[in-house]
Amino acid sequence: MKKYAIVLLKIVLLLIAIAIIALSVIGIISLIQDPINPIYGHILYPIVIAIYLSTVLIYMAFYQTYRFLKLIEDKLIFSNTSIHHLKKIKWCGLIFAFLYLVALPFFYLLANADDAPGVIFVGMIPLVGGFIVYLFAEIMIKITDEGIELK
């Protein structure tokens, strides 16, 4: 892989991380300034907790992705260290998906209370995204493992 492509991937990773931090800070500040309506509080607070817990998982996966990109840059992609990083990314994706699976009933309750059925799909998008990350990491582990065996 070309050096500029890896640098571009690292820059994109950093920009996404900065955007997530900015949205998290803006979300917390707006939540403090304008608390959630008490009628929806028992529904929305678990969703907000799931969102903020998922940001921790996202940053863990971003860090492991950065380290994996560093291994690609150093031409050490077919090593046990790369498999170790991919396994951590896999588990972050799986836990992320499970977190939103647990939060999905609250999205359903919110959709019923607010009469907005599209909210359920908003809750399903991160669930599917986390599962896709899990599957992609699993495939990459198998490819890397086969590369190590061939090497």
C-alpha atoms as a PDB file:
ATOM      1  CA  MET A   1       0.000   0.000   0.000  1.00  0.00           C
ATOM      2  CA  LYS A   2       1.284   3.452  -0.855  1.00  0.00           C
ATOM      3  CA  LYS A   3       2.566   5.616   1.972  1.00  0.00           C
ATOM      4  CA  TYR A   4       0.269   8.523   1.090  1.00  0.00           C
ATOM      5  CA  ALA A   5      -2.796   6.246   1.303  1.00  0.00           C
ATOM      6  CA  ILE A   6      -1.892   5.196   4.839  1.00  0.00           C
ATOM      7  CA  VAL A   7      -1.276   8.806   5.841  1.00  0.00           C
ATOM      8  CA  LEU A   8      -4.636   9.747   4.324  1.00  0.00           C
ATOM      9  CA  LEU A   9      -6.344   6.973   6.311  1.00  0.00           C
ATOM     10  CA  LYS A  10      -4.696   8.201   9.513  1.00  0.00           C
ATOM     11  CA  ILE A  11      -5.843  11.768   8.808  1.00  0.00           C
ATOM     12  CA  VAL A  12      -9.406  10.611   8.141  1.00  0.00           C
ATOM     13  CA  LEU A  13      -9.334   8.582  11.364  1.00  0.00           C
ATOM     14  CA  LEU A  14      -8.161  11.652  13.285  1.00  0.00           C
ATOM     15  CA  LEU A  15     -10.825  13.891  11.717  1.00  0.00           C
ATOM     16  CA  ILE A  16     -13.584  11.429  12.572  1.00  0.00           C
ATOM     17  CA  ALA A  17     -12.296  11.221  16.162  1.00  0.00           C
ATOM     18  CA  ILE A  18     -12.277  15.023  16.452  1.00  0.00           C
ATOM     19  CA  ALA A  19     -15.825  15.187  15.062  1.00  0.00           C
ATOM     20  CA  ILE A  20     -17.028  12.613  17.597  1.00  0.00           C
ATOM     21  CA  ILE A  21     -15.412  14.536  20.453  1.00  0.00           C
ATOM     22  CA  ALA A  22     -17.010  17.764  19.239  1.00  0.00           C
ATOM     23  CA  LEU A  23     -20.453  16.184  18.973  1.00  0.00           C
ATOM     24  CA  SER A  24     -20.082  14.586  22.408  1.00  0.00           C
ATOM     25  CA  VAL A  25     -19.116  17.873  24.042  1.00  0.00           C
ATOM     26  CA  ILE A  26     -21.895  19.770  22.272  1.00  0.00           C
ATOM     27  CA  GLY A  27     -24.370  17.054  23.279  1.00  0.00           C
ATOM     28  CA  ILE A  28     -23.364  17.149  26.948  1.00  0.00           C
ATOM     29  CA  ILE A  29     -23.449  20.947  27.063  1.00  0.00           C
ATOM     30  CA  SER A  30     -26.892  21.089  25.449  1.00  0.00           C
ATOM     31  CA  LEU A  31     -28.147  18.339  27.768  1.00  0.00           C
ATOM     32  CA  ILE A  32     -26.958  20.278  30.818  1.00  0.00           C
ATOM     33  CA  GLN A  33     -28.419  23.581  29.592  1.00  0.00           C
ATOM     34  CA  ASP A  34     -31.741  22.092  28.492  1.00  0.00           C
ATOM     35  CA  PRO A  35     -32.516  18.893  30.419  1.00  0.00           C
ATOM     36  CA  ILE A  36     -34.618  16.170  28.873  1.00  0.00           C
ATOM     37  CA  ASN A  37     -38.355  16.485  29.353  1.00  0.00           C
ATOM     38  CA  PRO A  38     -39.257  14.484  32.489  1.00  0.00           C
ATOM     39  CA  ILE A  39     -41.946  12.649  30.539  1.00  0.00           C
ATOM     40  CA  TYR A  40     -39.290  11.143  28.242  1.00  0.00           C
ATOM     41  CA  GLY A  41     -36.465  10.996  30.817  1.00  0.00           C
ATOM     42  CA  HIS A  42     -36.817   7.314  31.671  1.00  0.00           C
ATOM     43  CA  ILE A  43     -36.616   6.535  27.954  1.00  0.00           C
ATOM     44  CA  LEU A  44     -33.948   8.959  26.773  1.00  0.00           C
ATOM     45  CA  TYR A  45     -31.364   8.674  29.548  1.00  0.00           C
ATOM     46  CA  PRO A  46     -30.565   4.992  28.811  1.00  0.00           C
ATOM     47  CA  ILE A  47     -30.159   5.933  25.134  1.00  0.00           C
ATOM     48  CA  VAL A  48     -27.816   8.799  26.040  1.00  0.00           C
ATOM     49  CA  ILE A  49     -25.811   6.489  28.322  1.00  0.00           C
ATOM     50  CA  ALA A  50     -25.511   3.935  25.488  1.00  0.00           C
ATOM     51  CA  ILE A  51     -24.328   6.667  23.121  1.00  0.00           C
ATOM     52  CA  TYR A  52     -21.615   7.876  25.489  1.00  0.00           C
ATOM     53  CA  LEU A  53     -20.484   4.331  26.338  1.00  0.00           C
ATOM     54  CA  SER A  54     -20.250   3.602  22.634  1.00  0.00           C
ATOM     55  CA  THR A  55     -17.910   6.560  22.139  1.00  0.00           C
ATOM     56  CA  VAL A  56     -15.429   4.856  24.469  1.00  0.00           C
ATOM     57  CA  LEU A  57     -15.605   1.736  22.309  1.00  0.00           C
ATOM     58  CA  ILE A  58     -15.183   3.819  19.172  1.00  0.00           C
ATOM     59  CA  TYR A  59     -12.015   5.409  20.529  1.00  0.00           C
ATOM     60  CA  MET A  60     -10.633   2.034  21.552  1.00  0.00           C
ATOM     61  CA  ALA A  61     -11.262   0.741  18.029  1.00  0.00           C
ATOM     62  CA  PHE A  62      -9.752   3.899  16.503  1.00  0.00           C
ATOM     63  CA  TYR A  63      -6.598   3.477  18.562  1.00  0.00           C
ATOM     64  CA  GLN A  64      -6.250  -0.158  17.521  1.00  0.00           C
ATOM     65  CA  THR A  65      -6.911   0.829  13.902  1.00  0.00           C
ATOM     66  CA  TYR A  66      -4.192   3.468  14.116  1.00  0.00           C
ATOM     67  CA  ARG A  67      -1.756   0.877  15.461  1.00  0.00           C
ATOM     68  CA  PHE A  68      -2.810  -1.548  12.714  1.00  0.00           C
ATOM     69  CA  LEU A  69      -2.171   1.137  10.086  1.00  0.00           C
ATOM     70  CA  LYS A  70       1.239   1.704  11.644  1.00  0.00           C
ATOM     71  CA  LEU A  71       1.994  -2.017  11.183  1.00  0.00           C
ATOM     72  CA  ILE A  72       0.905  -1.797   7.545  1.00  0.00           C
ATOM     73  CA  GLU A  73       3.167   1.220   7.127  1.00  0.00           C
ATOM     74  CA  ASP A  74       6.092  -0.724   8.610  1.00  0.00           C
ATOM     75  CA  LYS A  75       5.237  -3.712   6.365  1.00  0.00           C
ATOM     76  CA  LEU A  76       4.473  -5.945   9.344  1.00  0.00           C
ATOM     77  CA  ILE A  77       0.866  -6.702   8.423  1.00  0.00           C
ATOM     78  CA  PHE A  78       1.427 -10.464   8.465  1.00  0.00           C
ATOM     79  CA  SER A  79       2.346 -10.736  12.124  1.00  0.00           C
ATOM     80  CA  ASN A  80       0.721 -11.873  15.329  1.00  0.00           C
ATOM     81  CA  THR A  81       0.642  -8.261  16.513  1.00  0.00           C
ATOM     82  CA  SER A  82      -1.650  -7.300  13.651  1.00  0.00           C
ATOM     83  CA  ILE A  83      -3.975 -10.180  14.519  1.00  0.00           C
ATOM     84  CA  HIS A  84      -3.956  -8.981  18.128  1.00  0.00           C
ATOM     85  CA  HIS A  85      -5.047  -5.472  17.042  1.00  0.00           C
ATOM     86  CA  LEU A  86      -7.708  -6.874  14.748  1.00  0.00           C
ATOM     87  CA  LYS A  87      -9.113  -9.029  17.547  1.00  0.00           C
ATOM     88  CA  LYS A  88      -9.461  -5.957  19.744  1.00  0.00           C
ATOM     89  CA  ILE A  89     -11.241  -4.126  16.913  1.00  0.00           C
ATOM     90  CA  LYS A  90     -13.508  -7.156  16.469  1.00  0.00           C
ATOM     91  CA  TRP A  91     -14.461  -7.167  20.140  1.00  0.00           C
ATOM     92  CA  CYS A  92     -15.075  -3.415  20.133  1.00  0.00           C
ATOM     93  CA  GLY A  93     -17.457  -3.849  17.189  1.00  0.00           C
ATOM     94  CA  LEU A  94     -19.254  -6.739  18.854  1.00  0.00           C
ATOM     95  CA  ILE A  95     -19.669  -4.945  22.192  1.00  0.00           C
ATOM     96  CA  PHE A  96     -20.773  -1.798  20.330  1.00  0.00           C
ATOM     97  CA  ALA A  97     -23.476  -3.794  18.516  1.00  0.00           C
ATOM     98  CA  PHE A  98     -24.541  -5.494  21.752  1.00  0.00           C
ATOM     99  CA  LEU A  99     -24.778  -2.113  23.495  1.00  0.00           C
ATOM    100  CA  TYR A 100     -27.210  -0.854  20.870  1.00  0.00           C
ATOM    101  CA  LEU A 101     -29.088  -4.145  20.933  1.00  0.00           C
ATOM    102  CA  VAL A 102     -29.688  -3.552  24.639  1.00  0.00           C
ATOM    103  CA  ALA A 103     -30.709   0.077  23.914  1.00  0.00           C
ATOM    104  CA  LEU A 104     -33.084  -0.897  21.076  1.00  0.00           C
ATOM    105  CA  PRO A 105     -36.142  -1.404  23.347  1.00  0.00           C
ATOM    106  CA  PHE A 106     -35.687   2.171  24.563  1.00  0.00           C
ATOM    107  CA  PHE A 107     -35.667   3.361  20.952  1.00  0.00           C
ATOM    108  CA  TYR A 108     -38.927   1.443  20.513  1.00  0.00           C
ATOM    109  CA  LEU A 109     -40.431   3.077  23.609  1.00  0.00           C
ATOM    110  CA  LEU A 110     -39.341   6.480  22.344  1.00  0.00           C
ATOM    111  CA  ALA A 111     -40.886   5.770  18.936  1.00  0.00           C
ATOM    112  CA  ASN A 112     -44.168   4.804  20.598  1.00  0.00           C
ATOM    113  CA  ALA A 113     -44.193   7.779  22.962  1.00  0.00           C
ATOM    114  CA  ASP A 114     -43.330  10.295  20.266  1.00  0.00           C
ATOM    115  CA  ASP A 115     -45.288   8.553  17.486  1.00  0.00           C
ATOM    116  CA  ALA A 116     -42.211   8.490  15.258  1.00  0.00           C
ATOM    117  CA  PRO A 117     -41.548   4.976  13.929  1.00  0.00           C
ATOM    118  CA  GLY A 118     -38.358   6.106  12.158  1.00  0.00           C
ATOM    119  CA  VAL A 119     -36.617   6.356  15.524  1.00  0.00           C
ATOM    120  CA  ILE A 120     -36.365   2.558  15.624  1.00  0.00           C
ATOM    121  CA  PHE A 121     -34.307   2.626  12.418  1.00  0.00           C
ATOM    122  CA  VAL A 122     -32.053   5.289  13.926  1.00  0.00           C
ATOM    123  CA  GLY A 123     -31.374   2.857  16.764  1.00  0.00           C
ATOM    124  CA  MET A 124     -30.724   0.007  14.345  1.00  0.00           C
ATOM    125  CA  ILE A 125     -28.101   1.839  12.279  1.00  0.00           C
ATOM    126  CA  PRO A 126     -25.357   1.677  14.971  1.00  0.00           C
ATOM    127  CA  LEU A 127     -26.342  -1.922  15.724  1.00  0.00           C
ATOM    128  CA  VAL A 128     -25.790  -2.938  12.119  1.00  0.00           C
ATOM    129  CA  GLY A 129     -22.651  -0.773  11.884  1.00  0.00           C
ATOM    130  CA  GLY A 130     -21.070  -2.454  14.897  1.00  0.00           C
ATOM    131  CA  PHE A 131     -21.872  -5.874  13.490  1.00  0.00           C
ATOM    132  CA  ILE A 132     -20.311  -4.906  10.142  1.00  0.00           C
ATOM    133  CA  VAL A 133     -17.123  -3.830  11.940  1.00  0.00           C
ATOM    134  CA  TYR A 134     -17.119  -7.165  13.760  1.00  0.00           C
ATOM    135  CA  LEU A 135     -17.507  -9.139  10.525  1.00  0.00           C
ATOM    136  CA  PHE A 136     -14.898  -7.076   8.663  1.00  0.00           C
ATOM    137  CA  ALA A 137     -12.363  -7.547  11.469  1.00  0.00           C
ATOM    138  CA  GLU A 138     -13.096 -11.283  11.555  1.00  0.00           C
ATOM    139  CA  ILE A 139     -12.487 -11.539   7.804  1.00  0.00           C
ATOM    140  CA  MET A 140      -9.264  -9.531   8.119  1.00  0.00           C
ATOM    141  CA  ILE A 141      -8.094 -11.843  10.926  1.00  0.00           C
ATOM    142  CA  LYS A 142      -8.646 -14.883   8.719  1.00  0.00           C
ATOM    143  CA  ILE A 143      -6.842 -13.255   5.767  1.00  0.00           C
ATOM    144  CA  THR A 144      -3.918 -12.180   7.947  1.00  0.00           C
ATOM    145  CA  ASP A 145      -3.727 -15.597   9.573  1.00  0.00           C
ATOM    146  CA  GLU A 146      -3.601 -17.288   6.162  1.00  0.00           C
ATOM    147  CA  GLY A 147      -0.900 -14.824   5.105  1.00  0.00           C
ATOM    148  CA  ILE A 148       1.160 -15.732   8.152  1.00  0.00           C
ATOM    149  CA  GLU A 149       0.790 -19.448   7.354  1.00  0.00           C
ATOM    150  CA  LEU A 150       1.888 -18.864   3.755  1.00  0.00           C
ATOM    151  CA  LYS A 151       4.816 -16.788   4.879  1.00  0.00           C
END
